[in-house]
Amino acid sequence: MKKLMIIFIGLLFLGVSIAYTEEQTTTNTAAQQIETKVTENIKYFTGKIESVTLGDLTAGTKTEIIVMDQKNQKMTFVVTDITKFVDSMGKAALIEIFKKGETVKIKYIVTPESVNLAHQVKLVK
C-alpha cells in the first residue's frame, strides 16, 4: 500500500510539473508573439515640436505632443506613463524640457484605433 501511495504521489507530481512547463511555454510564446508584433510596427517621426499639452486625469484629457516635419506634415502623439523621454545626450529626461521649436525624433506605434502612441521622445541637436 505504501508503494502504491508513493507511486501515485510521484505520478501526480510529474503530471503537475509537465502541465506547469507547458503553461509557461505557452505564456512565453504568447508574450514573444506580442513583442514581435509591436516591434514590427514601430515607426519613427522626426520634426519640430508645435506644442506639448499636459493631460489632466480628473478632466479625462491625455498628454499630447504635436510635431511637424520638414514636409509640413503634422502628427499628434499621445504620451503615456510608459513613454520615455531622452535628451540629446541619450540620458533620461522629463517632459518639461521639451519646448516648442525643438527638434525631436519620436519612436511610436499606431494602435488599432489609429492613435499614434509615443514610446520614446528624443531631443535631437
PDB file of N, CA and C in Angstrom:
ATOM      1  N   MET A   1       0.812  -1.197   0.000  1.00  0.00           N
ATOM      2  CA  MET A   1       0.000   0.000   0.000  1.00  0.00           C
ATOM      3  C   MET A   1       0.858   1.265   0.000  1.00  0.00           C
ATOM      4  N   LYS A   2       1.954   1.221   0.788  1.00  0.00           N
ATOM      5  CA  LYS A   2       2.847   2.376   0.834  1.00  0.00           C
ATOM      6  C   LYS A   2       3.484   2.616  -0.530  1.00  0.00           C
ATOM      7  N   LYS A   3       3.886   1.535  -1.211  1.00  0.00           N
ATOM      8  CA  LYS A   3       4.498   1.670  -2.532  1.00  0.00           C
ATOM      9  C   LYS A   3       3.509   2.268  -3.523  1.00  0.00           C
ATOM     10  N   LEU A   4       2.270   1.820  -3.443  1.00  0.00           N
ATOM     11  CA  LEU A   4       1.241   2.343  -4.338  1.00  0.00           C
ATOM     12  C   LEU A   4       1.024   3.829  -4.101  1.00  0.00           C
ATOM     13  N   MET A   5       1.008   4.218  -2.827  1.00  0.00           N
ATOM     14  CA  MET A   5       0.816   5.635  -2.476  1.00  0.00           C
ATOM     15  C   MET A   5       1.996   6.479  -2.965  1.00  0.00           C
ATOM     16  N   ILE A   6       3.219   5.971  -2.821  1.00  0.00           N
ATOM     17  CA  ILE A   6       4.410   6.695  -3.271  1.00  0.00           C
ATOM     18  C   ILE A   6       4.393   6.835  -4.788  1.00  0.00           C
ATOM     19  N   ILE A   7       4.029   5.771  -5.502  1.00  0.00           N
ATOM     20  CA  ILE A   7       3.938   5.825  -6.962  1.00  0.00           C
ATOM     21  C   ILE A   7       2.875   6.833  -7.383  1.00  0.00           C
ATOM     22  N   PHE A   8       1.724   6.822  -6.714  1.00  0.00           N
ATOM     23  CA  PHE A   8       0.643   7.760  -7.037  1.00  0.00           C
ATOM     24  C   PHE A   8       1.094   9.203  -6.834  1.00  0.00           C
ATOM     25  N   ILE A   9       1.741   9.483  -5.721  1.00  0.00           N
ATOM     26  CA  ILE A   9       2.230  10.851  -5.440  1.00  0.00           C
ATOM     27  C   ILE A   9       3.274  11.254  -6.473  1.00  0.00           C
ATOM     28  N   GLY A  10       4.159  10.323  -6.835  1.00  0.00           N
ATOM     29  CA  GLY A  10       5.173  10.607  -7.840  1.00  0.00           C
ATOM     30  C   GLY A  10       4.561  10.940  -9.188  1.00  0.00           C
ATOM     31  N   LEU A  11       3.550  10.166  -9.598  1.00  0.00           N
ATOM     32  CA  LEU A  11       2.872  10.434 -10.867  1.00  0.00           C
ATOM     33  C   LEU A  11       2.125  11.758 -10.827  1.00  0.00           C
ATOM     34  N   LEU A  12       1.516  12.049  -9.699  1.00  0.00           N
ATOM     35  CA  LEU A  12       0.803  13.316  -9.541  1.00  0.00           C
ATOM     36  C   LEU A  12       1.774  14.482  -9.672  1.00  0.00           C
ATOM     37  N   PHE A  13       2.917  14.386  -8.997  1.00  0.00           N
ATOM     38  CA  PHE A  13       3.931  15.442  -9.076  1.00  0.00           C
ATOM     39  C   PHE A  13       4.437  15.613 -10.507  1.00  0.00           C
ATOM     40  N   LEU A  14       4.685  14.496 -11.180  1.00  0.00           N
ATOM     41  CA  LEU A  14       5.155  14.533 -12.561  1.00  0.00           C
ATOM     42  C   LEU A  14       4.123  15.201 -13.477  1.00  0.00           C
ATOM     43  N   GLY A  15       2.855  14.873 -13.282  1.00  0.00           N
ATOM     44  CA  GLY A  15       1.788  15.465 -14.095  1.00  0.00           C
ATOM     45  C   GLY A  15       1.689  16.970 -13.893  1.00  0.00           C
ATOM     46  N   VAL A  16       1.786  17.400 -12.638  1.00  0.00           N
ATOM     47  CA  VAL A  16       1.725  18.843 -12.337  1.00  0.00           C
ATOM     48  C   VAL A  16       2.921  19.553 -12.947  1.00  0.00           C
ATOM     49  N   SER A  17       4.101  18.940 -12.864  1.00  0.00           N
ATOM     50  CA  SER A  17       5.316  19.555 -13.429  1.00  0.00           C
ATOM     51  C   SER A  17       5.192  19.726 -14.933  1.00  0.00           C
ATOM     52  N   ILE A  18       4.691  18.709 -15.615  1.00  0.00           N
ATOM     53  CA  ILE A  18       4.539  18.784 -17.066  1.00  0.00           C
ATOM     54  C   ILE A  18       3.522  19.854 -17.438  1.00  0.00           C
ATOM     55  N   ALA A  19       2.405  19.905 -16.729  1.00  0.00           N
ATOM     56  CA  ALA A  19       1.377  20.902 -17.018  1.00  0.00           C
ATOM     57  C   ALA A  19       1.916  22.314 -16.805  1.00  0.00           C
ATOM     58  N   TYR A  20       2.679  22.516 -15.737  1.00  0.00           N
ATOM     59  CA  TYR A  20       3.252  23.835 -15.448  1.00  0.00           C
ATOM     60  C   TYR A  20       4.221  24.247 -16.557  1.00  0.00           C
ATOM     61  N   THR A  21       5.070  23.302 -16.991  1.00  0.00           N
ATOM     62  CA  THR A  21       6.032  23.590 -18.044  1.00  0.00           C
ATOM     63  C   THR A  21       5.318  23.971 -19.335  1.00  0.00           C
ATOM     64  N   GLU A  22       4.261  23.244 -19.705  1.00  0.00           N
ATOM     65  CA  GLU A  22       3.509  23.560 -20.916  1.00  0.00           C
ATOM     66  C   GLU A  22       2.863  24.934 -20.815  1.00  0.00           C
ATOM     67  N   GLU A  23       2.335  25.268 -19.621  1.00  0.00           N
ATOM     68  CA  GLU A  23       1.695  26.578 -19.430  1.00  0.00           C
ATOM     69  C   GLU A  23       2.721  27.686 -19.576  1.00  0.00           C
ATOM     70  N   GLN A  24       3.902  27.514 -18.980  1.00  0.00           N
ATOM     71  CA  GLN A  24       4.948  28.526 -19.077  1.00  0.00           C
ATOM     72  C   GLN A  24       5.377  28.711 -20.536  1.00  0.00           C
ATOM     73  N   THR A  25       5.526  27.612 -21.274  1.00  0.00           N
ATOM     74  CA  THR A  25       5.919  27.694 -22.680  1.00  0.00           C
ATOM     75  C   THR A  25       4.871  28.445 -23.488  1.00  0.00           C
ATOM     76  N   THR A  26       3.597  28.156 -23.241  1.00  0.00           N
ATOM     77  CA  THR A  26       2.515  28.833 -23.942  1.00  0.00           C
ATOM     78  C   THR A  26       2.520  30.319 -23.616  1.00  0.00           C
ATOM     79  N   THR A  27       2.692  30.652 -22.331  1.00  0.00           N
ATOM     80  CA  THR A  27       2.712  32.054 -21.907  1.00  0.00           C
ATOM     81  C   THR A  27       3.885  32.786 -22.546  1.00  0.00           C
ATOM     82  N   ASN A  28       5.073  32.171 -22.516  1.00  0.00           N
ATOM     83  CA  ASN A  28       6.247  32.808 -23.114  1.00  0.00           C
ATOM     84  C   ASN A  28       6.057  33.001 -24.614  1.00  0.00           C
ATOM     85  N   THR A  29       5.506  32.023 -25.290  1.00  0.00           N
ATOM     86  CA  THR A  29       5.286  32.131 -26.723  1.00  0.00           C
ATOM     87  C   THR A  29       4.319  33.268 -27.043  1.00  0.00           C
ATOM     88  N   ALA A  30       3.229  33.384 -26.281  1.00  0.00           N
ATOM     89  CA  ALA A  30       2.267  34.466 -26.500  1.00  0.00           C
ATOM     90  C   ALA A  30       2.931  35.821 -26.273  1.00  0.00           C
ATOM     91  N   ALA A  31       3.717  35.938 -25.211  1.00  0.00           N
ATOM     92  CA  ALA A  31       4.400  37.207 -24.927  1.00  0.00           C
ATOM     93  C   ALA A  31       5.387  37.545 -26.037  1.00  0.00           C
ATOM     94  N   GLN A  32       6.096  36.536 -26.545  1.00  0.00           N
ATOM     95  CA  GLN A  32       7.043  36.768 -27.633  1.00  0.00           C
ATOM     96  C   GLN A  32       6.321  37.204 -28.905  1.00  0.00           C
ATOM     97  N   GLN A  33       5.158  36.619 -29.171  1.00  0.00           N
ATOM     98  CA  GLN A  33       4.394  36.994 -30.356  1.00  0.00           C
ATOM     99  C   GLN A  33       3.935  38.445 -30.264  1.00  0.00           C
ATOM    100  N   ILE A  34       3.474  38.847 -29.076  1.00  0.00           N
ATOM    101  CA  ILE A  34       3.027  40.233 -28.884  1.00  0.00           C
ATOM    102  C   ILE A  34       4.204  41.184 -29.061  1.00  0.00           C
ATOM    103  N   GLU A  35       5.348  40.849 -28.448  1.00  0.00           N
ATOM    104  CA  GLU A  35       6.521  41.709 -28.554  1.00  0.00           C
ATOM    105  C   GLU A  35       6.981  41.813 -30.011  1.00  0.00           C
ATOM    106  N   THR A  36       6.965  40.705 -30.729  1.00  0.00           N
ATOM    107  CA  THR A  36       7.359  40.711 -32.133  1.00  0.00           C
ATOM    108  C   THR A  36       6.413  41.588 -32.947  1.00  0.00           C
ATOM    109  N   LYS A  37       5.115  41.465 -32.690  1.00  0.00           N
ATOM    110  CA  LYS A  37       4.129  42.256 -33.414  1.00  0.00           C
ATOM    111  C   LYS A  37       4.348  43.747 -33.162  1.00  0.00           C
ATOM    112  N   VAL A  38       4.598  44.114 -31.901  1.00  0.00           N
ATOM    113  CA  VAL A  38       4.840  45.518 -31.564  1.00  0.00           C
ATOM    114  C   VAL A  38       6.124  45.996 -32.234  1.00  0.00           C
ATOM    115  N   THR A  39       7.193  45.189 -32.158  1.00  0.00           N
ATOM    116  CA  THR A  39       8.467  45.569 -32.738  1.00  0.00           C
ATOM    117  C   THR A  39       8.344  45.774 -34.245  1.00  0.00           C
ATOM    118  N   GLU A  40       7.590  44.929 -34.904  1.00  0.00           N
ATOM    119  CA  GLU A  40       7.405  45.054 -36.350  1.00  0.00           C
ATOM    120  C   GLU A  40       6.647  46.324 -36.717  1.00  0.00           C
ATOM    121  N   ASN A  41       5.853  46.849 -35.816  1.00  0.00           N
ATOM    122  CA  ASN A  41       5.013  48.007 -36.102  1.00  0.00           C
ATOM    123  C   ASN A  41       5.589  49.318 -35.596  1.00  0.00           C
ATOM    124  N   ILE A  42       6.794  49.309 -35.088  1.00  0.00           N
ATOM    125  CA  ILE A  42       7.412  50.542 -34.590  1.00  0.00           C
ATOM    126  C   ILE A  42       7.738  51.455 -35.769  1.00  0.00           C
ATOM    127  N   LYS A  43       7.404  52.734 -35.580  1.00  0.00           N
ATOM    128  CA  LYS A  43       7.664  53.747 -36.604  1.00  0.00           C
ATOM    129  C   LYS A  43       8.432  54.898 -35.962  1.00  0.00           C
ATOM    130  N   TYR A  44       8.993  55.740 -36.813  1.00  0.00           N
ATOM    131  CA  TYR A  44       9.743  56.908 -36.339  1.00  0.00           C
ATOM    132  C   TYR A  44       9.252  58.153 -37.073  1.00  0.00           C
ATOM    133  N   PHE A  45       9.271  59.263 -36.352  1.00  0.00           N
ATOM    134  CA  PHE A  45       8.878  60.540 -36.950  1.00  0.00           C
ATOM    135  C   PHE A  45       9.787  61.610 -36.365  1.00  0.00           C
ATOM    136  N   THR A  46      10.411  62.397 -37.225  1.00  0.00           N
ATOM    137  CA  THR A  46      11.304  63.465 -36.778  1.00  0.00           C
ATOM    138  C   THR A  46      10.749  64.799 -37.248  1.00  0.00           C
ATOM    139  N   GLY A  47      10.740  65.764 -36.347  1.00  0.00           N
ATOM    140  CA  GLY A  47      10.259  67.094 -36.693  1.00  0.00           C
ATOM    141  C   GLY A  47      10.384  68.043 -35.518  1.00  0.00           C
ATOM    142  N   LYS A  48       9.832  69.243 -35.722  1.00  0.00           N
ATOM    143  CA  LYS A  48       9.873  70.275 -34.671  1.00  0.00           C
ATOM    144  C   LYS A  48       8.581  70.239 -33.867  1.00  0.00           C
ATOM    145  N   ILE A  49       8.736  70.447 -32.580  1.00  0.00           N
ATOM    146  CA  ILE A  49       7.577  70.455 -31.680  1.00  0.00           C
ATOM    147  C   ILE A  49       6.726  71.680 -31.967  1.00  0.00           C
ATOM    148  N   GLU A  50       5.456  71.458 -32.222  1.00  0.00           N
ATOM    149  CA  GLU A  50       4.482  72.536 -32.378  1.00  0.00           C
ATOM    150  C   GLU A  50       3.878  72.881 -31.017  1.00  0.00           C
ATOM    151  N   SER A  51       3.584  71.830 -30.235  1.00  0.00           N
ATOM    152  CA  SER A  51       3.033  72.063 -28.894  1.00  0.00           C
ATOM    153  C   SER A  51       3.162  70.816 -28.038  1.00  0.00           C
ATOM    154  N   VAL A  52       3.193  71.054 -26.727  1.00  0.00           N
ATOM    155  CA  VAL A  52       3.165  69.988 -25.725  1.00  0.00           C
ATOM    156  C   VAL A  52       2.008  70.319 -24.796  1.00  0.00           C
ATOM    157  N   THR A  53       1.050  69.421 -24.728  1.00  0.00           N
ATOM    158  CA  THR A  53      -0.122  69.629 -23.881  1.00  0.00           C
ATOM    159  C   THR A  53      -0.128  68.574 -22.787  1.00  0.00           C
ATOM    160  N   LEU A  54      -0.058  69.033 -21.544  1.00  0.00           N
ATOM    161  CA  LEU A  54      -0.093  68.095 -20.423  1.00  0.00           C
ATOM    162  C   LEU A  54      -1.531  67.703 -20.130  1.00  0.00           C
ATOM    163  N   GLY A  55      -1.746  66.417 -19.968  1.00  0.00           N
ATOM    164  CA  GLY A  55      -3.087  65.909 -19.703  1.00  0.00           C
ATOM    165  C   GLY A  55      -3.500  66.120 -18.255  1.00  0.00           C
ATOM    166  N   ASP A  56      -4.781  65.920 -18.002  1.00  0.00           N
ATOM    167  CA  ASP A  56      -5.349  66.045 -16.663  1.00  0.00           C
ATOM    168  C   ASP A  56      -6.256  64.841 -16.433  1.00  0.00           C
ATOM    169  N   LEU A  57      -5.830  63.974 -15.508  1.00  0.00           N
ATOM    170  CA  LEU A  57      -6.614  62.765 -15.248  1.00  0.00           C
ATOM    171  C   LEU A  57      -8.028  63.072 -14.783  1.00  0.00           C
ATOM    172  N   THR A  58      -8.175  64.114 -13.977  1.00  0.00           N
ATOM    173  CA  THR A  58      -9.515  64.436 -13.466  1.00  0.00           C
ATOM    174  C   THR A  58     -10.427  64.946 -14.575  1.00  0.00           C
ATOM    175  N   ALA A  59      -9.847  65.609 -15.566  1.00  0.00           N
ATOM    176  CA  ALA A  59     -10.640  66.116 -16.681  1.00  0.00           C
ATOM    177  C   ALA A  59     -10.745  65.081 -17.809  1.00  0.00           C
ATOM    178  N   GLY A  60      -9.959  64.014 -17.706  1.00  0.00           N
ATOM    179  CA  GLY A  60     -10.005  62.971 -18.720  1.00  0.00           C
ATOM    180  C   GLY A  60      -9.261  63.307 -20.002  1.00  0.00           C
ATOM    181  N   THR A  61      -8.307  64.245 -19.924  1.00  0.00           N
ATOM    182  CA  THR A  61      -7.533  64.604 -21.106  1.00  0.00           C
ATOM    183  C   THR A  61      -6.176  63.900 -21.080  1.00  0.00           C
ATOM    184  N   LYS A  62      -5.612  63.696 -22.269  1.00  0.00           N
ATOM    185  CA  LYS A  62      -4.343  62.985 -22.396  1.00  0.00           C
ATOM    186  C   LYS A  62      -3.213  63.959 -22.678  1.00  0.00           C
ATOM    187  N   THR A  63      -2.013  63.557 -22.281  1.00  0.00           N
ATOM    188  CA  THR A  63      -0.830  64.335 -22.609  1.00  0.00           C
ATOM    189  C   THR A  63      -0.489  64.065 -24.074  1.00  0.00           C
ATOM    190  N   GLU A  64      -0.269  65.144 -24.837  1.00  0.00           N
ATOM    191  CA  GLU A  64      -0.002  65.015 -26.264  1.00  0.00           C
ATOM    192  C   GLU A  64       1.142  65.925 -26.693  1.00  0.00           C
ATOM    193  N   ILE A  65       1.835  65.462 -27.718  1.00  0.00           N
ATOM    194  CA  ILE A  65       2.875  66.264 -28.360  1.00  0.00           C
ATOM    195  C   ILE A  65       2.527  66.342 -29.843  1.00  0.00           C
ATOM    196  N   ILE A  66       2.490  67.557 -30.364  1.00  0.00           N
ATOM    197  CA  ILE A  66       2.234  67.742 -31.797  1.00  0.00           C
ATOM    198  C   ILE A  66       3.563  68.146 -32.438  1.00  0.00           C
ATOM    199  N   VAL A  67       3.930  67.424 -33.512  1.00  0.00           N
ATOM    200  CA  VAL A  67       5.213  67.622 -34.183  1.00  0.00           C
ATOM    201  C   VAL A  67       4.979  67.812 -35.676  1.00  0.00           C
ATOM    202  N   MET A  68       5.753  68.739 -36.288  1.00  0.00           N
ATOM    203  CA  MET A  68       5.657  68.961 -37.730  1.00  0.00           C
ATOM    204  C   MET A  68       7.023  68.687 -38.354  1.00  0.00           C
ATOM    205  N   ASP A  69       7.015  67.885 -39.431  1.00  0.00           N
ATOM    206  CA  ASP A  69       8.277  67.562 -40.098  1.00  0.00           C
ATOM    207  C   ASP A  69       8.618  68.600 -41.169  1.00  0.00           C
ATOM    208  N   GLN A  70       9.703  68.373 -41.913  1.00  0.00           N
ATOM    209  CA  GLN A  70      10.168  69.328 -42.935  1.00  0.00           C
ATOM    210  C   GLN A  70       9.216  69.436 -44.120  1.00  0.00           C
ATOM    211  N   LYS A  71       8.348  68.442 -44.298  1.00  0.00           N
ATOM    212  CA  LYS A  71       7.372  68.474 -45.390  1.00  0.00           C
ATOM    213  C   LYS A  71       6.042  69.073 -44.935  1.00  0.00           C
ATOM    214  N   ASN A  72       6.059  69.696 -43.757  1.00  0.00           N
ATOM    215  CA  ASN A  72       4.871  70.297 -43.143  1.00  0.00           C
ATOM    216  C   ASN A  72       3.781  69.278 -42.813  1.00  0.00           C
ATOM    217  N   GLN A  73       4.191  68.028 -42.611  1.00  0.00           N
ATOM    218  CA  GLN A  73       3.248  67.007 -42.152  1.00  0.00           C
ATOM    219  C   GLN A  73       3.195  67.097 -40.626  1.00  0.00           C
ATOM    220  N   LYS A  74       1.998  67.294 -40.107  1.00  0.00           N
ATOM    221  CA  LYS A  74       1.809  67.458 -38.672  1.00  0.00           C
ATOM    222  C   LYS A  74       1.228  66.165 -38.099  1.00  0.00           C
ATOM    223  N   MET A  75       1.827  65.688 -37.004  1.00  0.00           N
ATOM    224  CA  MET A  75       1.337  64.476 -36.347  1.00  0.00           C
ATOM    225  C   MET A  75       1.187  64.723 -34.851  1.00  0.00           C
ATOM    226  N   THR A  76       0.141  64.111 -34.301  1.00  0.00           N
ATOM    227  CA  THR A  76      -0.112  64.192 -32.859  1.00  0.00           C
ATOM    228  C   THR A  76       0.233  62.854 -32.233  1.00  0.00           C
ATOM    229  N   PHE A  77       0.966  62.900 -31.131  1.00  0.00           N
ATOM    230  CA  PHE A  77       1.379  61.697 -30.416  1.00  0.00           C
ATOM    231  C   PHE A  77       0.842  61.732 -28.991  1.00  0.00           C
ATOM    232  N   VAL A  78       0.231  60.642 -28.574  1.00  0.00           N
ATOM    233  CA  VAL A  78      -0.254  60.528 -27.201  1.00  0.00           C
ATOM    234  C   VAL A  78       0.894  60.006 -26.344  1.00  0.00           C
ATOM    235  N   VAL A  79       1.066  60.640 -25.198  1.00  0.00           N
ATOM    236  CA  VAL A  79       2.102  60.262 -24.242  1.00  0.00           C
ATOM    237  C   VAL A  79       1.434  59.514 -23.094  1.00  0.00           C
ATOM    238  N   THR A  80       2.042  58.389 -22.698  1.00  0.00           N
ATOM    239  CA  THR A  80       1.516  57.616 -21.570  1.00  0.00           C
ATOM    240  C   THR A  80       2.573  57.541 -20.475  1.00  0.00           C
ATOM    241  N   ASP A  81       2.239  56.824 -19.419  1.00  0.00           N
ATOM    242  CA  ASP A  81       3.195  56.677 -18.316  1.00  0.00           C
ATOM    243  C   ASP A  81       4.387  55.796 -18.695  1.00  0.00           C
ATOM    244  N   ILE A  82       4.317  55.088 -19.818  1.00  0.00           N
ATOM    245  CA  ILE A  82       5.461  54.277 -20.242  1.00  0.00           C
ATOM    246  C   ILE A  82       6.311  54.967 -21.304  1.00  0.00           C
ATOM    247  N   THR A  83       5.904  56.148 -21.747  1.00  0.00           N
ATOM    248  CA  THR A  83       6.694  56.896 -22.733  1.00  0.00           C
ATOM    249  C   THR A  83       7.988  57.348 -22.076  1.00  0.00           C
ATOM    250  N   LYS A  84       9.092  57.136 -22.780  1.00  0.00           N
ATOM    251  CA  LYS A  84      10.401  57.539 -22.265  1.00  0.00           C
ATOM    252  C   LYS A  84      10.828  58.823 -22.957  1.00  0.00           C
ATOM    253  N   PHE A  85      11.364  59.737 -22.175  1.00  0.00           N
ATOM    254  CA  PHE A  85      11.886  60.991 -22.705  1.00  0.00           C
ATOM    255  C   PHE A  85      13.399  60.970 -22.559  1.00  0.00           C
ATOM    256  N   VAL A  86      14.087  61.341 -23.650  1.00  0.00           N
ATOM    257  CA  VAL A  86      15.543  61.267 -23.677  1.00  0.00           C
ATOM    258  C   VAL A  86      16.091  62.585 -24.199  1.00  0.00           C
ATOM    259  N   ASP A  87      17.140  63.102 -23.529  1.00  0.00           N
ATOM    260  CA  ASP A  87      17.746  64.345 -24.006  1.00  0.00           C
ATOM    261  C   ASP A  87      18.698  64.041 -25.161  1.00  0.00           C
ATOM    262  N   SER A  88      19.341  65.071 -25.684  1.00  0.00           N
ATOM    263  CA  SER A  88      20.209  64.894 -26.862  1.00  0.00           C
ATOM    264  C   SER A  88      21.470  64.091 -26.541  1.00  0.00           C
ATOM    265  N   MET A  89      21.773  63.920 -25.274  1.00  0.00           N
ATOM    266  CA  MET A  89      22.939  63.135 -24.853  1.00  0.00           C
ATOM    267  C   MET A  89      22.569  61.670 -24.603  1.00  0.00           C
ATOM    268  N   GLY A  90      21.288  61.346 -24.765  1.00  0.00           N
ATOM    269  CA  GLY A  90      20.839  59.969 -24.560  1.00  0.00           C
ATOM    270  C   GLY A  90      20.464  59.643 -23.130  1.00  0.00           C
ATOM    271  N   LYS A  91      20.370  60.664 -22.290  1.00  0.00           N
ATOM    272  CA  LYS A  91      20.027  60.448 -20.880  1.00  0.00           C
ATOM    273  C   LYS A  91      18.539  60.684 -20.660  1.00  0.00           C
ATOM    274  N   ALA A  92      17.995  60.016 -19.666  1.00  0.00           N
ATOM    275  CA  ALA A  92      16.578  60.175 -19.327  1.00  0.00           C
ATOM    276  C   ALA A  92      16.284  61.636 -19.011  1.00  0.00           C
ATOM    277  N   ALA A  93      15.120  62.083 -19.428  1.00  0.00           N
ATOM    278  CA  ALA A  93      14.740  63.480 -19.231  1.00  0.00           C
ATOM    279  C   ALA A  93      13.264  63.551 -18.832  1.00  0.00           C
ATOM    280  N   LEU A  94      12.844  64.732 -18.438  1.00  0.00           N
ATOM    281  CA  LEU A  94      11.442  64.981 -18.103  1.00  0.00           C
ATOM    282  C   LEU A  94      10.766  65.685 -19.274  1.00  0.00           C
ATOM    283  N   ILE A  95       9.483  65.513 -19.381  1.00  0.00           N
ATOM    284  CA  ILE A  95       8.730  66.123 -20.479  1.00  0.00           C
ATOM    285  C   ILE A  95       8.866  67.650 -20.468  1.00  0.00           C
ATOM    286  N   GLU A  96       9.100  68.222 -19.312  1.00  0.00           N
ATOM    287  CA  GLU A  96       9.169  69.680 -19.187  1.00  0.00           C
ATOM    288  C   GLU A  96      10.307  70.318 -19.981  1.00  0.00           C
ATOM    289  N   ILE A  97      11.342  69.542 -20.351  1.00  0.00           N
ATOM    290  CA  ILE A  97      12.451  70.154 -21.110  1.00  0.00           C
ATOM    291  C   ILE A  97      12.138  70.256 -22.597  1.00  0.00           C
ATOM    292  N   PHE A  98      11.059  69.641 -23.033  1.00  0.00           N
ATOM    293  CA  PHE A  98      10.708  69.657 -24.447  1.00  0.00           C
ATOM    294  C   PHE A  98       9.825  70.870 -24.736  1.00  0.00           C
ATOM    295  N   LYS A  99      10.344  71.776 -25.550  1.00  0.00           N
ATOM    296  CA  LYS A  99       9.670  73.048 -25.824  1.00  0.00           C
ATOM    297  C   LYS A  99       9.359  73.206 -27.312  1.00  0.00           C
ATOM    298  N   LYS A 100       8.441  74.104 -27.592  1.00  0.00           N
ATOM    299  CA  LYS A 100       8.061  74.422 -28.976  1.00  0.00           C
ATOM    300  C   LYS A 100       9.297  74.846 -29.765  1.00  0.00           C
ATOM    301  N   GLY A 101       9.395  74.311 -30.997  1.00  0.00           N
ATOM    302  CA  GLY A 101      10.504  74.671 -31.873  1.00  0.00           C
ATOM    303  C   GLY A 101      11.689  73.727 -31.815  1.00  0.00           C
ATOM    304  N   GLU A 102      11.763  72.904 -30.785  1.00  0.00           N
ATOM    305  CA  GLU A 102      12.870  71.966 -30.676  1.00  0.00           C
ATOM    306  C   GLU A 102      12.612  70.746 -31.573  1.00  0.00           C
ATOM    307  N   THR A 103      13.696  70.193 -32.107  1.00  0.00           N
ATOM    308  CA  THR A 103      13.579  69.024 -32.971  1.00  0.00           C
ATOM    309  C   THR A 103      13.625  67.756 -32.127  1.00  0.00           C
ATOM    310  N   VAL A 104      12.694  66.853 -32.425  1.00  0.00           N
ATOM    311  CA  VAL A 104      12.617  65.588 -31.701  1.00  0.00           C
ATOM    312  C   VAL A 104      12.464  64.436 -32.699  1.00  0.00           C
ATOM    313  N   LYS A 105      12.894  63.280 -32.262  1.00  0.00           N
ATOM    314  CA  LYS A 105      12.660  62.042 -33.005  1.00  0.00           C
ATOM    315  C   LYS A 105      11.769  61.186 -32.112  1.00  0.00           C
ATOM    316  N   ILE A 106      10.611  60.826 -32.637  1.00  0.00           N
ATOM    317  CA  ILE A 106       9.641  60.072 -31.848  1.00  0.00           C
ATOM    318  C   ILE A 106       9.541  58.650 -32.372  1.00  0.00           C
ATOM    319  N   LYS A 107       9.718  57.725 -31.458  1.00  0.00           N
ATOM    320  CA  LYS A 107       9.533  56.303 -31.743  1.00  0.00           C
ATOM    321  C   LYS A 107       8.119  55.982 -31.277  1.00  0.00           C
ATOM    322  N   TYR A 108       7.280  55.432 -32.182  1.00  0.00           N
ATOM    323  CA  TYR A 108       5.876  55.255 -31.831  1.00  0.00           C
ATOM    324  C   TYR A 108       5.268  54.049 -32.527  1.00  0.00           C
ATOM    325  N   ILE A 109       4.081  53.691 -32.076  1.00  0.00           N
ATOM    326  CA  ILE A 109       3.272  52.688 -32.755  1.00  0.00           C
ATOM    327  C   ILE A 109       1.899  53.292 -33.006  1.00  0.00           C
ATOM    328  N   VAL A 110       1.213  52.742 -33.978  1.00  0.00           N
ATOM    329  CA  VAL A 110      -0.157  53.163 -34.258  1.00  0.00           C
ATOM    330  C   VAL A 110      -1.062  52.070 -33.693  1.00  0.00           C
ATOM    331  N   THR A 111      -1.964  52.462 -32.799  1.00  0.00           N
ATOM    332  CA  THR A 111      -2.865  51.493 -32.178  1.00  0.00           C
ATOM    333  C   THR A 111      -3.963  51.090 -33.171  1.00  0.00           C
ATOM    334  N   PRO A 112      -4.687  50.022 -32.855  1.00  0.00           N
ATOM    335  CA  PRO A 112      -5.811  49.634 -33.727  1.00  0.00           C
ATOM    336  C   PRO A 112      -6.850  50.754 -33.895  1.00  0.00           C
ATOM    337  N   GLU A 113      -6.880  51.687 -32.935  1.00  0.00           N
ATOM    338  CA  GLU A 113      -7.812  52.820 -33.003  1.00  0.00           C
ATOM    339  C   GLU A 113      -7.207  53.994 -33.767  1.00  0.00           C
ATOM    340  N   SER A 114      -6.069  53.773 -34.425  1.00  0.00           N
ATOM    341  CA  SER A 114      -5.353  54.796 -35.212  1.00  0.00           C
ATOM    342  C   SER A 114      -4.805  55.931 -34.359  1.00  0.00           C
ATOM    343  N   VAL A 115      -4.394  55.631 -33.143  1.00  0.00           N
ATOM    344  CA  VAL A 115      -3.769  56.620 -32.265  1.00  0.00           C
ATOM    345  C   VAL A 115      -2.263  56.422 -32.330  1.00  0.00           C
ATOM    346  N   ASN A 116      -1.531  57.523 -32.515  1.00  0.00           N
ATOM    347  CA  ASN A 116      -0.067  57.465 -32.511  1.00  0.00           C
ATOM    348  C   ASN A 116       0.404  57.486 -31.060  1.00  0.00           C
ATOM    349  N   LEU A 117       0.866  56.342 -30.581  1.00  0.00           N
ATOM    350  CA  LEU A 117       1.258  56.183 -29.186  1.00  0.00           C
ATOM    351  C   LEU A 117       2.773  56.284 -29.073  1.00  0.00           C
ATOM    352  N   ALA A 118       3.253  57.357 -28.435  1.00  0.00           N
ATOM    353  CA  ALA A 118       4.698  57.596 -28.322  1.00  0.00           C
ATOM    354  C   ALA A 118       5.330  56.613 -27.349  1.00  0.00           C
ATOM    355  N   HIS A 119       6.374  55.936 -27.820  1.00  0.00           N
ATOM    356  CA  HIS A 119       7.135  55.025 -26.965  1.00  0.00           C
ATOM    357  C   HIS A 119       8.364  55.753 -26.417  1.00  0.00           C
ATOM    358  N   GLN A 120       8.982  56.556 -27.291  1.00  0.00           N
ATOM    359  CA  GLN A 120      10.151  57.332 -26.874  1.00  0.00           C
ATOM    360  C   GLN A 120      10.159  58.669 -27.601  1.00  0.00           C
ATOM    361  N   VAL A 121      10.500  59.715 -26.862  1.00  0.00           N
ATOM    362  CA  VAL A 121      10.653  61.050 -27.446  1.00  0.00           C
ATOM    363  C   VAL A 121      12.084  61.486 -27.155  1.00  0.00           C
ATOM    364  N   LYS A 122      12.858  61.691 -28.226  1.00  0.00           N
ATOM    365  CA  LYS A 122      14.270  62.037 -28.058  1.00  0.00           C
ATOM    366  C   LYS A 122      14.544  63.407 -28.652  1.00  0.00           C
ATOM    367  N   LEU A 123      15.215  64.229 -27.885  1.00  0.00           N
ATOM    368  CA  LEU A 123      15.633  65.558 -28.333  1.00  0.00           C
ATOM    369  C   LEU A 123      16.804  65.403 -29.302  1.00  0.00           C
ATOM    370  N   VAL A 124      16.712  66.075 -30.454  1.00  0.00           N
ATOM    371  CA  VAL A 124      17.748  65.976 -31.480  1.00  0.00           C
ATOM    372  C   VAL A 124      18.434  67.322 -31.586  1.00  0.00           C
ATOM    373  N   LYS A 125      19.750  67.312 -31.592  1.00  0.00           N
ATOM    374  CA  LYS A 125      20.513  68.566 -31.718  1.00  0.00           C
ATOM    375  C   LYS A 125      20.903  68.803 -33.142  1.00  0.00           C
TER     376      LYS A 125
END
